PDB file of N, CA and C in Angstrom:
ATOM      1  N   MET A   1     105.678 107.964  98.650  1.00  0.00           N
ATOM      2  CA  MET A   1     105.825 109.291  98.251  1.00  0.00           C
ATOM      3  C   MET A   1     104.655 110.131  98.808  1.00  0.00           C
ATOM      4  N   MET A   2     103.524 109.677  98.837  1.00  0.00           N
ATOM      5  CA  MET A   2     102.383 110.378  99.315  1.00  0.00           C
ATOM      6  C   MET A   2     102.268 110.858 100.826  1.00  0.00           C
ATOM      7  N   ASP A   3     103.132 109.983 101.640  1.00  0.00           N
ATOM      8  CA  ASP A   3     103.372 110.175 103.089  1.00  0.00           C
ATOM      9  C   ASP A   3     104.256 111.250 103.435  1.00  0.00           C
ATOM     10  N   ARG A   4     104.870 111.839 102.469  1.00  0.00           N
ATOM     11  CA  ARG A   4     105.949 112.851 102.728  1.00  0.00           C
ATOM     12  C   ARG A   4     105.284 114.280 102.250  1.00  0.00           C
ATOM     13  N   THR A   5     105.445 115.336 103.187  1.00  0.00           N
ATOM     14  CA  THR A   5     104.893 116.659 102.837  1.00  0.00           C
ATOM     15  C   THR A   5     105.637 117.420 101.915  1.00  0.00           C
ATOM     16  N   ALA A   6     105.264 118.335 101.587  1.00  0.00           N
ATOM     17  CA  ALA A   6     105.888 119.392 100.607  1.00  0.00           C
ATOM     18  C   ALA A   6     107.079 119.753 100.912  1.00  0.00           C
ATOM     19  N   ALA A   7     107.048 120.216 102.311  1.00  0.00           N
ATOM     20  CA  ALA A   7     108.258 120.770 102.970  1.00  0.00           C
ATOM     21  C   ALA A   7     109.219 119.595 103.106  1.00  0.00           C
ATOM     22  N   GLN A   8     108.953 118.362 103.399  1.00  0.00           N
ATOM     23  CA  GLN A   8     109.920 117.187 103.513  1.00  0.00           C
ATOM     24  C   GLN A   8     110.553 116.846 102.181  1.00  0.00           C
ATOM     25  N   LEU A   9     109.720 117.003 101.054  1.00  0.00           N
ATOM     26  CA  LEU A   9     110.096 116.801  99.823  1.00  0.00           C
ATOM     27  C   LEU A   9     111.136 117.856  99.168  1.00  0.00           C
ATOM     28  N   ALA A  10     110.771 118.941  99.501  1.00  0.00           N
ATOM     29  CA  ALA A  10     111.797 120.293  99.425  1.00  0.00           C
ATOM     30  C   ALA A  10     113.180 120.077  99.975  1.00  0.00           C
ATOM     31  N   ALA A  11     113.124 119.576 101.244  1.00  0.00           N
ATOM     32  CA  ALA A  11     114.110 119.446 102.094  1.00  0.00           C
ATOM     33  C   ALA A  11     115.066 118.267 101.407  1.00  0.00           C
ATOM     34  N   ALA A  12     114.529 117.407 100.724  1.00  0.00           N
ATOM     35  CA  ALA A  12     115.261 116.238 100.263  1.00  0.00           C
ATOM     36  C   ALA A  12     115.954 116.432  98.834  1.00  0.00           C
ATOM     37  N   VAL A  13     115.781 117.738  98.361  1.00  0.00           N
ATOM     38  CA  VAL A  13     116.294 118.261  97.090  1.00  0.00           C
ATOM     39  C   VAL A  13     117.923 118.377  97.315  1.00  0.00           C
ATOM     40  N   THR A  14     118.716 117.720  96.502  1.00  0.00           N
ATOM     41  CA  THR A  14     120.122 117.719  96.652  1.00  0.00           C
ATOM     42  C   THR A  14     120.992 118.635  95.337  1.00  0.00           C
ATOM     43  N   ASP A  15     121.828 119.039  95.848  1.00  0.00           N
ATOM     44  CA  ASP A  15     122.746 119.814  94.629  1.00  0.00           C
ATOM     45  C   ASP A  15     123.752 118.740  94.086  1.00  0.00           C
ATOM     46  N   ARG A  16     123.731 118.585  92.773  1.00  0.00           N
ATOM     47  CA  ARG A  16     124.719 117.621  92.192  1.00  0.00           C
ATOM     48  C   ARG A  16     125.725 118.434  91.248  1.00  0.00           C
ATOM     49  N   PRO A  17     126.748 119.329  91.731  1.00  0.00           N
ATOM     50  CA  PRO A  17     127.439 120.075  90.927  1.00  0.00           C
ATOM     51  C   PRO A  17     128.178 119.521  89.815  1.00  0.00           C
ATOM     52  N   GLU A  18     128.533 118.143  89.902  1.00  0.00           N
ATOM     53  CA  GLU A  18     129.260 117.556  88.835  1.00  0.00           C
ATOM     54  C   GLU A  18     128.437 117.386  87.655  1.00  0.00           C
ATOM     55  N   ALA A  19     127.042 117.140  87.878  1.00  0.00           N
ATOM     56  CA  ALA A  19     126.046 117.035  86.812  1.00  0.00           C
ATOM     57  C   ALA A  19     125.158 118.474  86.369  1.00  0.00           C
ATOM     58  N   GLN A  20     125.763 119.425  87.361  1.00  0.00           N
ATOM     59  CA  GLN A  20     125.112 120.680  87.141  1.00  0.00           C
ATOM     60  C   GLN A  20     123.655 120.625  87.148  1.00  0.00           C
ATOM     61  N   ARG A  21     123.162 120.025  88.355  1.00  0.00           N
ATOM     62  CA  ARG A  21     121.628 119.923  88.299  1.00  0.00           C
ATOM     63  C   ARG A  21     121.280 119.578  89.800  1.00  0.00           C
ATOM     64  N   TYR A  22     120.061 120.111  90.228  1.00  0.00           N
ATOM     65  CA  TYR A  22     119.351 119.787  91.494  1.00  0.00           C
ATOM     66  C   TYR A  22     118.634 118.555  91.203  1.00  0.00           C
ATOM     67  N   GLU A  23     118.662 117.683  92.317  1.00  0.00           N
ATOM     68  CA  GLU A  23     117.643 116.335  92.157  1.00  0.00           C
ATOM     69  C   GLU A  23     116.915 116.208  93.136  1.00  0.00           C
ATOM     70  N   LEU A  24     115.600 115.450  92.930  1.00  0.00           N
ATOM     71  CA  LEU A  24     114.742 114.958  93.931  1.00  0.00           C
ATOM     72  C   LEU A  24     114.610 113.579  93.500  1.00  0.00           C
ATOM     73  N   GLY A  25     114.863 112.676  94.418  1.00  0.00           N
ATOM     74  CA  GLY A  25     114.633 111.214  94.204  1.00  0.00           C
ATOM     75  C   GLY A  25     113.439 110.694  95.050  1.00  0.00           C
ATOM     76  N   ILE A  26     112.548 110.041  94.005  1.00  0.00           N
ATOM     77  CA  ILE A  26     111.340 109.414  94.828  1.00  0.00           C
ATOM     78  C   ILE A  26     111.101 108.201  94.338  1.00  0.00           C
ATOM     79  N   ASP A  27     111.182 107.088  95.138  1.00  0.00           N
ATOM     80  CA  ASP A  27     110.962 105.923  94.747  1.00  0.00           C
ATOM     81  C   ASP A  27     111.876 105.388  93.602  1.00  0.00           C
ATOM     82  N   GLY A  28     112.952 105.780  93.660  1.00  0.00           N
ATOM     83  CA  GLY A  28     113.884 105.297  92.618  1.00  0.00           C
ATOM     84  C   GLY A  28     113.847 106.145  91.313  1.00  0.00           C
ATOM     85  N   VAL A  29     112.945 107.138  91.359  1.00  0.00           N
ATOM     86  CA  VAL A  29     112.902 108.094  90.031  1.00  0.00           C
ATOM     87  C   VAL A  29     113.308 109.396  90.306  1.00  0.00           C
ATOM     88  N   ILE A  30     114.096 110.073  89.391  1.00  0.00           N
ATOM     89  CA  ILE A  30     114.761 111.370  89.595  1.00  0.00           C
ATOM     90  C   ILE A  30     114.006 112.417  88.769  1.00  0.00           C
ATOM     91  N   ALA A  31     113.541 113.522  89.583  1.00  0.00           N
ATOM     92  CA  ALA A  31     113.119 114.590  89.105  1.00  0.00           C
ATOM     93  C   ALA A  31     114.240 115.643  89.119  1.00  0.00           C
ATOM     94  N   PHE A  32     114.415 116.607  88.090  1.00  0.00           N
ATOM     95  CA  PHE A  32     115.679 117.412  88.160  1.00  0.00           C
ATOM     96  C   PHE A  32     115.625 118.833  87.677  1.00  0.00           C
ATOM     97  N   ILE A  33     116.441 119.856  88.093  1.00  0.00           N
ATOM     98  CA  ILE A  33     116.591 120.936  87.288  1.00  0.00           C
ATOM     99  C   ILE A  33     117.996 121.113  86.818  1.00  0.00           C
ATOM    100  N   ASP A  34     118.091 121.371  85.573  1.00  0.00           N
ATOM    101  CA  ASP A  34     119.647 121.548  85.180  1.00  0.00           C
ATOM    102  C   ASP A  34     119.863 123.056  85.530  1.00  0.00           C
ATOM    103  N   TYR A  35     121.030 123.300  85.562  1.00  0.00           N
ATOM    104  CA  TYR A  35     121.509 124.730  86.016  1.00  0.00           C
ATOM    105  C   TYR A  35     122.908 124.957  85.415  1.00  0.00           C
ATOM    106  N   ARG A  36     123.187 126.311  85.458  1.00  0.00           N
ATOM    107  CA  ARG A  36     124.642 126.722  85.248  1.00  0.00           C
ATOM    108  C   ARG A  36     124.907 127.848  86.259  1.00  0.00           C
ATOM    109  N   LYS A  37     126.103 127.568  86.890  1.00  0.00           N
ATOM    110  CA  LYS A  37     126.366 128.583  87.854  1.00  0.00           C
ATOM    111  C   LYS A  37     127.597 129.386  87.390  1.00  0.00           C
ATOM    112  N   SER A  38     127.556 130.704  87.832  1.00  0.00           N
ATOM    113  CA  SER A  38     128.577 131.659  87.528  1.00  0.00           C
ATOM    114  C   SER A  38     128.712 132.420  88.743  1.00  0.00           C
ATOM    115  N   PRO A  39     129.532 133.417  88.969  1.00  0.00           N
ATOM    116  CA  PRO A  39     129.800 133.914  90.362  1.00  0.00           C
ATOM    117  C   PRO A  39     128.661 134.749  90.671  1.00  0.00           C
ATOM    118  N   GLY A  40     128.134 134.519  91.911  1.00  0.00           N
ATOM    119  CA  GLY A  40     127.087 135.120  92.381  1.00  0.00           C
ATOM    120  C   GLY A  40     125.657 134.912  91.888  1.00  0.00           C
ATOM    121  N   GLU A  41     125.609 133.835  90.887  1.00  0.00           N
ATOM    122  CA  GLU A  41     124.285 133.511  90.441  1.00  0.00           C
ATOM    123  C   GLU A  41     124.132 132.116  89.760  1.00  0.00           C
ATOM    124  N   VAL A  42     122.712 131.666  89.848  1.00  0.00           N
ATOM    125  CA  VAL A  42     122.608 130.375  89.212  1.00  0.00           C
ATOM    126  C   VAL A  42     121.387 130.674  88.219  1.00  0.00           C
ATOM    127  N   SER A  43     121.870 130.005  87.058  1.00  0.00           N
ATOM    128  CA  SER A  43     120.753 129.908  85.878  1.00  0.00           C
ATOM    129  C   SER A  43     119.907 128.727  85.831  1.00  0.00           C
ATOM    130  N   MET A  44     118.853 128.713  86.219  1.00  0.00           N
ATOM    131  CA  MET A  44     117.989 127.421  86.123  1.00  0.00           C
ATOM    132  C   MET A  44     117.342 127.387  84.786  1.00  0.00           C
ATOM    133  N   LEU A  45     117.902 126.271  84.307  1.00  0.00           N
ATOM    134  CA  LEU A  45     117.493 126.440  82.655  1.00  0.00           C
ATOM    135  C   LEU A  45     116.274 125.243  82.230  1.00  0.00           C
ATOM    136  N   HIS A  46     116.183 124.389  82.949  1.00  0.00           N
ATOM    137  CA  HIS A  46     115.264 123.425  82.623  1.00  0.00           C
ATOM    138  C   HIS A  46     114.696 122.598  83.790  1.00  0.00           C
ATOM    139  N   ALA A  47     113.549 122.324  84.079  1.00  0.00           N
ATOM    140  CA  ALA A  47     112.930 121.424  84.958  1.00  0.00           C
ATOM    141  C   ALA A  47     112.304 120.117  84.482  1.00  0.00           C
ATOM    142  N   GLU A  48     112.393 119.036  84.889  1.00  0.00           N
ATOM    143  CA  GLU A  48     111.857 117.751  84.296  1.00  0.00           C
ATOM    144  C   GLU A  48     111.341 116.820  85.470  1.00  0.00           C
ATOM    145  N   VAL A  49     110.058 116.697  85.441  1.00  0.00           N
ATOM    146  CA  VAL A  49     109.436 115.625  86.519  1.00  0.00           C
ATOM    147  C   VAL A  49     108.806 114.437  85.575  1.00  0.00           C
ATOM    148  N   PRO A  50     109.416 113.422  85.776  1.00  0.00           N
ATOM    149  CA  PRO A  50     109.066 112.322  85.109  1.00  0.00           C
ATOM    150  C   PRO A  50     107.566 111.986  85.131  1.00  0.00           C
ATOM    151  N   PRO A  51     106.827 111.516  84.212  1.00  0.00           N
ATOM    152  CA  PRO A  51     105.320 111.325  84.140  1.00  0.00           C
ATOM    153  C   PRO A  51     104.871 110.601  85.434  1.00  0.00           C
ATOM    154  N   GLN A  52     105.428 109.404  85.860  1.00  0.00           N
ATOM    155  CA  GLN A  52     104.960 108.823  86.970  1.00  0.00           C
ATOM    156  C   GLN A  52     105.005 109.679  88.344  1.00  0.00           C
ATOM    157  N   LEU A  53     105.837 110.847  88.435  1.00  0.00           N
ATOM    158  CA  LEU A  53     105.656 111.574  89.475  1.00  0.00           C
ATOM    159  C   LEU A  53     104.826 112.809  89.251  1.00  0.00           C
ATOM    160  N   GLY A  54     104.433 112.994  88.166  1.00  0.00           N
ATOM    161  CA  GLY A  54     103.459 114.225  87.826  1.00  0.00           C
ATOM    162  C   GLY A  54     102.153 114.383  88.568  1.00  0.00           C
ATOM    163  N   GLY A  55     101.781 115.553  88.861  1.00  0.00           N
ATOM    164  CA  GLY A  55     100.344 115.866  89.439  1.00  0.00           C
ATOM    165  C   GLY A  55     100.472 115.563  90.862  1.00  0.00           C
ATOM    166  N   ARG A  56     101.424 115.555  91.416  1.00  0.00           N
ATOM    167  CA  ARG A  56     101.601 115.442  92.982  1.00  0.00           C
ATOM    168  C   ARG A  56     102.487 116.363  93.864  1.00  0.00           C
ATOM    169  N   GLY A  57     102.570 117.656  93.090  1.00  0.00           N
ATOM    170  CA  GLY A  57     103.432 118.551  93.600  1.00  0.00           C
ATOM    171  C   GLY A  57     104.702 118.327  93.795  1.00  0.00           C
ATOM    172  N   VAL A  58     105.390 117.327  92.931  1.00  0.00           N
ATOM    173  CA  VAL A  58     106.723 117.114  92.965  1.00  0.00           C
ATOM    174  C   VAL A  58     107.585 118.201  92.330  1.00  0.00           C
ATOM    175  N   GLY A  59     107.132 118.745  91.344  1.00  0.00           N
ATOM    176  CA  GLY A  59     107.665 119.799  90.534  1.00  0.00           C
ATOM    177  C   GLY A  59     107.835 120.983  91.380  1.00  0.00           C
ATOM    178  N   SER A  60     106.800 121.376  92.115  1.00  0.00           N
ATOM    179  CA  SER A  60     106.714 122.616  93.074  1.00  0.00           C
ATOM    180  C   SER A  60     107.766 122.456  94.123  1.00  0.00           C
ATOM    181  N   ALA A  61     107.831 121.165  94.770  1.00  0.00           N
ATOM    182  CA  ALA A  61     108.734 120.797  95.783  1.00  0.00           C
ATOM    183  C   ALA A  61     110.246 121.015  95.328  1.00  0.00           C
ATOM    184  N   LEU A  62     110.434 120.462  93.924  1.00  0.00           N
ATOM    185  CA  LEU A  62     111.856 120.411  93.382  1.00  0.00           C
ATOM    186  C   LEU A  62     112.374 121.976  93.300  1.00  0.00           C
ATOM    187  N   VAL A  63     111.296 122.824  92.785  1.00  0.00           N
ATOM    188  CA  VAL A  63     111.822 124.189  92.796  1.00  0.00           C
ATOM    189  C   VAL A  63     112.067 124.792  94.099  1.00  0.00           C
ATOM    190  N   GLN A  64     111.152 124.735  95.082  1.00  0.00           N
ATOM    191  CA  GLN A  64     111.327 125.136  96.501  1.00  0.00           C
ATOM    192  C   GLN A  64     112.599 124.666  96.960  1.00  0.00           C
ATOM    193  N   GLY A  65     112.935 123.380  96.797  1.00  0.00           N
ATOM    194  CA  GLY A  65     114.372 122.861  97.316  1.00  0.00           C
ATOM    195  C   GLY A  65     115.520 123.648  96.499  1.00  0.00           C
ATOM    196  N   ALA A  66     115.304 123.683  95.198  1.00  0.00           N
ATOM    197  CA  ALA A  66     116.419 124.273  94.751  1.00  0.00           C
ATOM    198  C   ALA A  66     116.795 125.718  94.985  1.00  0.00           C
ATOM    199  N   VAL A  67     115.573 126.362  95.175  1.00  0.00           N
ATOM    200  CA  VAL A  67     115.670 127.865  95.455  1.00  0.00           C
ATOM    201  C   VAL A  67     116.343 127.899  96.880  1.00  0.00           C
ATOM    202  N   ARG A  68     115.902 127.034  97.680  1.00  0.00           N
ATOM    203  CA  ARG A  68     116.450 126.983  99.169  1.00  0.00           C
ATOM    204  C   ARG A  68     118.063 126.824  98.988  1.00  0.00           C
ATOM    205  N   LEU A  69     118.418 125.874  98.241  1.00  0.00           N
ATOM    206  CA  LEU A  69     119.831 125.524  98.065  1.00  0.00           C
ATOM    207  C   LEU A  69     120.709 126.661  97.455  1.00  0.00           C
ATOM    208  N   ALA A  70     120.123 127.371  96.501  1.00  0.00           N
ATOM    209  CA  ALA A  70     120.787 128.525  95.908  1.00  0.00           C
ATOM    210  C   ALA A  70     120.813 129.663  96.692  1.00  0.00           C
ATOM    211  N   ARG A  71     119.863 129.888  97.688  1.00  0.00           N
ATOM    212  CA  ARG A  71     119.856 131.053  98.400  1.00  0.00           C
ATOM    213  C   ARG A  71     120.848 130.893  99.517  1.00  0.00           C
ATOM    214  N   ALA A  72     120.896 129.563  99.998  1.00  0.00           N
ATOM    215  CA  ALA A  72     121.981 129.133 100.927  1.00  0.00           C
ATOM    216  C   ALA A  72     123.301 129.461 100.619  1.00  0.00           C
ATOM    217  N   GLU A  73     123.706 129.390  99.341  1.00  0.00           N
ATOM    218  CA  GLU A  73     124.853 129.816  98.638  1.00  0.00           C
ATOM    219  C   GLU A  73     125.005 131.172  98.425  1.00  0.00           C
ATOM    220  N   GLY A  74     124.069 131.868  98.749  1.00  0.00           N
ATOM    221  CA  GLY A  74     124.112 133.519  98.391  1.00  0.00           C
ATOM    222  C   GLY A  74     123.983 133.783  96.913  1.00  0.00           C
ATOM    223  N   LEU A  75     123.306 132.882  96.184  1.00  0.00           N
ATOM    224  CA  LEU A  75     123.281 133.071  94.656  1.00  0.00           C
ATOM    225  C   LEU A  75     121.977 133.893  94.431  1.00  0.00           C
ATOM    226  N   GLN A  76     122.176 134.693  93.401  1.00  0.00           N
ATOM    227  CA  GLN A  76     120.978 135.249  92.638  1.00  0.00           C
ATOM    228  C   GLN A  76     120.353 134.276  91.616  1.00  0.00           C
ATOM    229  N   ILE A  77     119.117 133.968  91.676  1.00  0.00           N
ATOM    230  CA  ILE A  77     118.418 133.093  90.910  1.00  0.00           C
ATOM    231  C   ILE A  77     117.888 133.708  89.502  1.00  0.00           C
ATOM    232  N   LYS A  78     118.282 133.098  88.252  1.00  0.00           N
ATOM    233  CA  LYS A  78     117.887 133.571  87.192  1.00  0.00           C
ATOM    234  C   LYS A  78     116.948 132.318  86.508  1.00  0.00           C
ATOM    235  N   PRO A  79     115.620 132.341  86.507  1.00  0.00           N
ATOM    236  CA  PRO A  79     114.922 131.358  86.080  1.00  0.00           C
ATOM    237  C   PRO A  79     114.526 131.388  84.590  1.00  0.00           C
ATOM    238  N   TYR A  80     115.307 130.630  83.732  1.00  0.00           N
ATOM    239  CA  TYR A  80     115.169 130.687  82.425  1.00  0.00           C
ATOM    240  C   TYR A  80     113.930 129.700  81.841  1.00  0.00           C
ATOM    241  N   CYS A  81     113.524 128.811  82.760  1.00  0.00           N
ATOM    242  CA  CYS A  81     112.424 127.701  82.534  1.00  0.00           C
ATOM    243  C   CYS A  81     111.314 128.337  83.033  1.00  0.00           C
ATOM    244  N   SER A  82     110.216 128.303  82.164  1.00  0.00           N
ATOM    245  CA  SER A  82     109.016 129.146  82.382  1.00  0.00           C
ATOM    246  C   SER A  82     108.154 128.310  83.657  1.00  0.00           C
ATOM    247  N   PHE A  83     108.390 127.162  83.960  1.00  0.00           N
ATOM    248  CA  PHE A  83     107.840 126.338  85.027  1.00  0.00           C
ATOM    249  C   PHE A  83     108.602 126.908  86.441  1.00  0.00           C
ATOM    250  N   ILE A  84     109.809 127.113  86.387  1.00  0.00           N
ATOM    251  CA  ILE A  84     110.505 127.478  87.563  1.00  0.00           C
ATOM    252  C   ILE A  84     110.258 129.009  87.845  1.00  0.00           C
ATOM    253  N   ALA A  85     110.130 129.924  86.762  1.00  0.00           N
ATOM    254  CA  ALA A  85     109.873 131.248  86.788  1.00  0.00           C
ATOM    255  C   ALA A  85     108.267 131.324  87.506  1.00  0.00           C
ATOM    256  N   ALA A  86     107.353 130.563  86.936  1.00  0.00           N
ATOM    257  CA  ALA A  86     105.885 130.653  87.484  1.00  0.00           C
ATOM    258  C   ALA A  86     105.792 130.216  88.916  1.00  0.00           C
ATOM    259  N   ALA A  87     106.640 129.022  89.295  1.00  0.00           N
ATOM    260  CA  ALA A  87     106.532 128.585  90.517  1.00  0.00           C
ATOM    261  C   ALA A  87     107.164 129.853  91.742  1.00  0.00           C
ATOM    262  N   MET A  88     108.097 130.298  91.079  1.00  0.00           N
ATOM    263  CA  MET A  88     108.804 131.359  92.091  1.00  0.00           C
ATOM    264  C   MET A  88     107.928 132.607  92.067  1.00  0.00           C
ATOM    265  N   ARG A  89     107.226 133.054  91.066  1.00  0.00           N
ATOM    266  CA  ARG A  89     106.094 134.088  91.214  1.00  0.00           C
ATOM    267  C   ARG A  89     105.085 133.775  92.051  1.00  0.00           C
ATOM    268  N   ARG A  90     104.445 132.530  92.110  1.00  0.00           N
ATOM    269  CA  ARG A  90     103.432 132.061  92.980  1.00  0.00           C
ATOM    270  C   ARG A  90     103.956 131.976  94.359  1.00  0.00           C
ATOM    271  N   HIS A  91     105.181 131.815  94.653  1.00  0.00           N
ATOM    272  CA  HIS A  91     105.651 131.567  96.087  1.00  0.00           C
ATOM    273  C   HIS A  91     106.804 132.590  96.301  1.00  0.00           C
ATOM    274  N   PRO A  92     106.713 133.806  96.569  1.00  0.00           N
ATOM    275  CA  PRO A  92     107.715 134.703  96.589  1.00  0.00           C
ATOM    276  C   PRO A  92     108.304 134.397  98.088  1.00  0.00           C
ATOM    277  N   GLU A  93     107.796 133.913  98.974  1.00  0.00           N
ATOM    278  CA  GLU A  93     108.237 133.554 100.244  1.00  0.00           C
ATOM    279  C   GLU A  93     109.482 132.657 100.340  1.00  0.00           C
ATOM    280  N   TRP A  94     109.633 131.892  99.093  1.00  0.00           N
ATOM    281  CA  TRP A  94     110.707 130.924  98.769  1.00  0.00           C
ATOM    282  C   TRP A  94     112.144 131.603  98.803  1.00  0.00           C
TER     283      TRP A  94
END
């Protein structure tokens, strides 16, 4: 994991609409954001990064990738999770 940049991690985030979540898999471990989509928007409800992935920027990369995917669909993002909201405030360029 440490040999991948934050941008590479963000690019690896996938949308799993059947599970209503964005996922980032690293070494067989999944970090995710639960969401609900409605016309024109996505509500990001909860982000979870397993402890073994913590402290390495995985959470921020997950949010960056989820924002990229949502914007590519033309969706307005409603961050109900405090971690997601804080990451988006810190990185308005996303």
